[in-house]
Amino acid sequence: MQVYPSRFGQIEVDPDTIIQFPLGIPGFEDCKNYKLLHEEKPDPKVLWLQSLDDAAVLFTLVETERLGLNYALTLSDEECQQIDLTTANDAKLFLILSRPEGQAISANTNAPLVINLQSRKGLQKLDVKADIVFRNT
């Protein structure tokens, strides 16, 4: 276990649970290593992606399914190689949430995070607004 500072205080991280964004996340290219955190309760609705490279960088996430969204998303061969993705079943999609001061919480549906659950590598896919398919929940 390694100990990292975070907005939640010191967190212990098993190196095998680190999620790597090989190219970083746009705007945060220097932050490549993250830990996915959640409340200690069954089926948490909100998750946090805490940078292990910069304790000030923290993203609030939600799984796309929680919002009733399915994505018809196409990754290039280069993007698949970047996160070692060989089958779509290994990919999990998340949206970054934000809450500008005085406004409601919103999700960035145009740029989901794609995380390969097997390799623990991710990327942010930009400009996918035309590929969103809503499902009934």
C-alpha atoms as a PDB file:
ATOM      1  CA  MET A   1       0.000   0.000   0.000  1.00  0.00           C
ATOM      2  CA  GLN A   2       1.073   3.519  -0.741  1.00  0.00           C
ATOM      3  CA  VAL A   3      -0.263   6.629   0.976  1.00  0.00           C
ATOM      4  CA  TYR A   4      -1.288   9.688  -1.043  1.00  0.00           C
ATOM      5  CA  PRO A   5      -2.683  13.070  -0.025  1.00  0.00           C
ATOM      6  CA  SER A   6      -6.191  13.809  -1.300  1.00  0.00           C
ATOM      7  CA  ARG A   7      -9.082  16.141  -0.677  1.00  0.00           C
ATOM      8  CA  PHE A   8     -10.367  13.409   1.623  1.00  0.00           C
ATOM      9  CA  GLY A   9      -7.155  13.384   3.655  1.00  0.00           C
ATOM     10  CA  GLN A  10      -4.520  10.676   3.415  1.00  0.00           C
ATOM     11  CA  ILE A  11      -5.654   7.660   1.397  1.00  0.00           C
ATOM     12  CA  GLU A  12      -4.022   4.263   1.185  1.00  0.00           C
ATOM     13  CA  VAL A  13      -3.841   2.941  -2.359  1.00  0.00           C
ATOM     14  CA  ASP A  14      -3.066  -0.580  -3.495  1.00  0.00           C
ATOM     15  CA  PRO A  15      -0.848  -0.087  -6.587  1.00  0.00           C
ATOM     16  CA  ASP A  16      -2.939  -2.721  -8.396  1.00  0.00           C
ATOM     17  CA  THR A  17      -5.999  -0.427  -8.200  1.00  0.00           C
ATOM     18  CA  ILE A  18      -4.429   2.653  -9.797  1.00  0.00           C
ATOM     19  CA  ILE A  19      -6.119   3.807 -12.992  1.00  0.00           C
ATOM     20  CA  GLN A  20      -3.722   5.295 -15.521  1.00  0.00           C
ATOM     21  CA  PHE A  21      -4.628   7.817 -18.186  1.00  0.00           C
ATOM     22  CA  PRO A  22      -1.573   7.479 -20.468  1.00  0.00           C
ATOM     23  CA  LEU A  23      -2.157  10.891 -22.102  1.00  0.00           C
ATOM     24  CA  GLY A  24      -3.788  12.449 -19.063  1.00  0.00           C
ATOM     25  CA  ILE A  25      -7.233  14.025 -19.211  1.00  0.00           C
ATOM     26  CA  PRO A  26      -7.526  17.097 -21.471  1.00  0.00           C
ATOM     27  CA  GLY A  27      -6.522  20.113 -19.400  1.00  0.00           C
ATOM     28  CA  PHE A  28      -4.801  17.842 -16.857  1.00  0.00           C
ATOM     29  CA  GLU A  29      -2.193  16.160 -19.050  1.00  0.00           C
ATOM     30  CA  ASP A  30       0.377  16.040 -16.214  1.00  0.00           C
ATOM     31  CA  CYS A  31      -1.970  13.965 -14.059  1.00  0.00           C
ATOM     32  CA  LYS A  32      -1.803  10.399 -15.292  1.00  0.00           C
ATOM     33  CA  ASN A  33      -2.432   8.280 -12.181  1.00  0.00           C
ATOM     34  CA  TYR A  34      -5.782   8.177 -10.406  1.00  0.00           C
ATOM     35  CA  LYS A  35      -7.704   6.293  -7.757  1.00  0.00           C
ATOM     36  CA  LEU A  36     -11.440   5.737  -8.080  1.00  0.00           C
ATOM     37  CA  LEU A  37     -13.081   6.437  -4.714  1.00  0.00           C
ATOM     38  CA  HIS A  38     -16.647   5.995  -3.504  1.00  0.00           C
ATOM     39  CA  GLU A  39     -18.736   6.059  -0.375  1.00  0.00           C
ATOM     40  CA  GLU A  40     -18.554   2.925   1.736  1.00  0.00           C
ATOM     41  CA  LYS A  41     -22.048   1.731   0.947  1.00  0.00           C
ATOM     42  CA  PRO A  42     -23.551  -0.742  -1.508  1.00  0.00           C
ATOM     43  CA  ASP A  43     -24.114   0.551  -5.033  1.00  0.00           C
ATOM     44  CA  PRO A  44     -22.744   4.099  -4.657  1.00  0.00           C
ATOM     45  CA  LYS A  45     -24.265   6.588  -7.075  1.00  0.00           C
ATOM     46  CA  VAL A  46     -21.394   9.067  -7.228  1.00  0.00           C
ATOM     47  CA  LEU A  47     -17.704   8.281  -7.553  1.00  0.00           C
ATOM     48  CA  TRP A  48     -14.605  10.431  -7.303  1.00  0.00           C
ATOM     49  CA  LEU A  49     -11.550  10.170  -9.514  1.00  0.00           C
ATOM     50  CA  GLN A  50      -8.704  11.434  -7.332  1.00  0.00           C
ATOM     51  CA  SER A  51      -5.421  12.313  -9.017  1.00  0.00           C
ATOM     52  CA  LEU A  52      -2.445  10.689  -7.328  1.00  0.00           C
ATOM     53  CA  ASP A  53      -0.112  13.133  -9.084  1.00  0.00           C
ATOM     54  CA  ASP A  54      -1.789  16.318  -7.811  1.00  0.00           C
ATOM     55  CA  ALA A  55      -4.008  16.159  -4.715  1.00  0.00           C
ATOM     56  CA  ALA A  56      -5.920  19.257  -5.871  1.00  0.00           C
ATOM     57  CA  VAL A  57      -7.255  17.437  -8.944  1.00  0.00           C
ATOM     58  CA  LEU A  58     -10.465  15.558  -8.238  1.00  0.00           C
ATOM     59  CA  PHE A  59     -13.315  14.730 -10.604  1.00  0.00           C
ATOM     60  CA  THR A  60     -16.830  13.751  -9.559  1.00  0.00           C
ATOM     61  CA  LEU A  61     -18.124  10.943 -11.782  1.00  0.00           C
ATOM     62  CA  VAL A  62     -21.306   9.056 -12.517  1.00  0.00           C
ATOM     63  CA  GLU A  63     -21.703   5.882 -14.555  1.00  0.00           C
ATOM     64  CA  THR A  64     -23.544   6.611 -17.809  1.00  0.00           C
ATOM     65  CA  GLU A  65     -26.143   3.950 -17.002  1.00  0.00           C
ATOM     66  CA  ARG A  66     -27.180   5.859 -13.850  1.00  0.00           C
ATOM     67  CA  LEU A  67     -28.456   8.643 -16.097  1.00  0.00           C
ATOM     68  CA  GLY A  68     -30.231   6.244 -18.441  1.00  0.00           C
ATOM     69  CA  LEU A  69     -27.697   6.786 -21.216  1.00  0.00           C
ATOM     70  CA  ASN A  70     -26.138   4.281 -23.561  1.00  0.00           C
ATOM     71  CA  TYR A  71     -23.420   5.387 -25.924  1.00  0.00           C
ATOM     72  CA  ALA A  72     -22.815   4.124 -29.446  1.00  0.00           C
ATOM     73  CA  LEU A  73     -19.138   4.969 -29.147  1.00  0.00           C
ATOM     74  CA  THR A  74     -16.396   4.181 -31.644  1.00  0.00           C
ATOM     75  CA  LEU A  75     -12.761   4.173 -30.569  1.00  0.00           C
ATOM     76  CA  SER A  76      -9.958   4.303 -33.108  1.00  0.00           C
ATOM     77  CA  ASP A  77      -7.322   1.571 -33.221  1.00  0.00           C
ATOM     78  CA  GLU A  78      -4.919   4.063 -31.627  1.00  0.00           C
ATOM     79  CA  GLU A  79      -7.337   4.784 -28.763  1.00  0.00           C
ATOM     80  CA  CYS A  80      -7.882   1.056 -28.177  1.00  0.00           C
ATOM     81  CA  GLN A  81      -4.116   0.521 -28.064  1.00  0.00           C
ATOM     82  CA  GLN A  82      -3.714   3.458 -25.695  1.00  0.00           C
ATOM     83  CA  ILE A  83      -5.888   1.726 -23.084  1.00  0.00           C
ATOM     84  CA  ASP A  84      -5.132  -1.884 -24.131  1.00  0.00           C
ATOM     85  CA  LEU A  85      -8.775  -2.464 -25.055  1.00  0.00           C
ATOM     86  CA  THR A  86      -9.471  -5.633 -27.063  1.00  0.00           C
ATOM     87  CA  THR A  87     -13.163  -6.154 -26.281  1.00  0.00           C
ATOM     88  CA  ALA A  88     -15.963  -3.675 -25.643  1.00  0.00           C
ATOM     89  CA  ASN A  89     -17.077  -5.692 -22.617  1.00  0.00           C
ATOM     90  CA  ASP A  90     -13.986  -4.494 -20.727  1.00  0.00           C
ATOM     91  CA  ALA A  91     -14.895  -0.808 -21.181  1.00  0.00           C
ATOM     92  CA  LYS A  92     -16.861   1.206 -18.628  1.00  0.00           C
ATOM     93  CA  LEU A  93     -18.106   4.730 -19.384  1.00  0.00           C
ATOM     94  CA  PHE A  94     -18.294   7.557 -16.870  1.00  0.00           C
ATOM     95  CA  LEU A  95     -19.373  11.195 -17.100  1.00  0.00           C
ATOM     96  CA  ILE A  96     -17.709  14.056 -15.268  1.00  0.00           C
ATOM     97  CA  LEU A  97     -20.131  16.053 -13.120  1.00  0.00           C
ATOM     98  CA  SER A  98     -19.803  19.737 -12.350  1.00  0.00           C
ATOM     99  CA  ARG A  99     -21.719  22.282 -10.362  1.00  0.00           C
ATOM    100  CA  PRO A 100     -20.905  25.862 -11.268  1.00  0.00           C
ATOM    101  CA  GLU A 101     -21.570  28.211  -8.378  1.00  0.00           C
ATOM    102  CA  GLY A 102     -25.270  28.940  -8.052  1.00  0.00           C
ATOM    103  CA  GLN A 103     -26.250  26.403 -10.723  1.00  0.00           C
ATOM    104  CA  ALA A 104     -27.541  22.852 -10.840  1.00  0.00           C
ATOM    105  CA  ILE A 105     -25.311  19.817 -11.193  1.00  0.00           C
ATOM    106  CA  SER A 106     -24.635  18.901 -14.819  1.00  0.00           C
ATOM    107  CA  ALA A 107     -22.876  16.059 -16.602  1.00  0.00           C
ATOM    108  CA  ASN A 108     -20.497  16.472 -19.511  1.00  0.00           C
ATOM    109  CA  THR A 109     -22.264  14.111 -21.910  1.00  0.00           C
ATOM    110  CA  ASN A 110     -20.054  15.207 -24.820  1.00  0.00           C
ATOM    111  CA  ALA A 111     -16.822  13.805 -23.375  1.00  0.00           C
ATOM    112  CA  PRO A 112     -17.206  10.535 -21.463  1.00  0.00           C
ATOM    113  CA  LEU A 113     -14.312   8.840 -19.736  1.00  0.00           C
ATOM    114  CA  VAL A 114     -13.647   5.357 -21.113  1.00  0.00           C
ATOM    115  CA  ILE A 115     -11.920   3.068 -18.618  1.00  0.00           C
ATOM    116  CA  ASN A 116     -10.698  -0.424 -19.472  1.00  0.00           C
ATOM    117  CA  LEU A 117     -11.531  -2.345 -16.311  1.00  0.00           C
ATOM    118  CA  GLN A 118      -8.986  -5.066 -17.124  1.00  0.00           C
ATOM    119  CA  SER A 119      -5.913  -2.930 -17.898  1.00  0.00           C
ATOM    120  CA  ARG A 120      -6.999  -0.097 -15.563  1.00  0.00           C
ATOM    121  CA  LYS A 121      -6.237   2.452 -18.285  1.00  0.00           C
ATOM    122  CA  GLY A 122      -8.493   5.234 -19.456  1.00  0.00           C
ATOM    123  CA  LEU A 123      -9.021   8.122 -21.803  1.00  0.00           C
ATOM    124  CA  GLN A 124     -11.509  10.895 -22.348  1.00  0.00           C
ATOM    125  CA  LYS A 125     -13.352  10.634 -25.653  1.00  0.00           C
ATOM    126  CA  LEU A 126     -14.227  14.092 -26.930  1.00  0.00           C
ATOM    127  CA  ASP A 127     -17.115  15.290 -29.125  1.00  0.00           C
ATOM    128  CA  VAL A 128     -19.455  12.304 -28.983  1.00  0.00           C
ATOM    129  CA  LYS A 129     -22.723  14.257 -28.662  1.00  0.00           C
ATOM    130  CA  ALA A 130     -24.235  12.740 -31.822  1.00  0.00           C
ATOM    131  CA  ASP A 131     -23.670   9.203 -30.563  1.00  0.00           C
ATOM    132  CA  ILE A 132     -25.833   9.296 -27.433  1.00  0.00           C
ATOM    133  CA  VAL A 133     -28.710   6.809 -27.347  1.00  0.00           C
ATOM    134  CA  PHE A 134     -31.267   7.151 -24.544  1.00  0.00           C
ATOM    135  CA  ARG A 135     -32.803   4.047 -23.025  1.00  0.00           C
ATOM    136  CA  ASN A 136     -35.877   3.735 -20.872  1.00  0.00           C
ATOM    137  CA  THR A 137     -35.152   3.011 -17.207  1.00  0.00           C
END
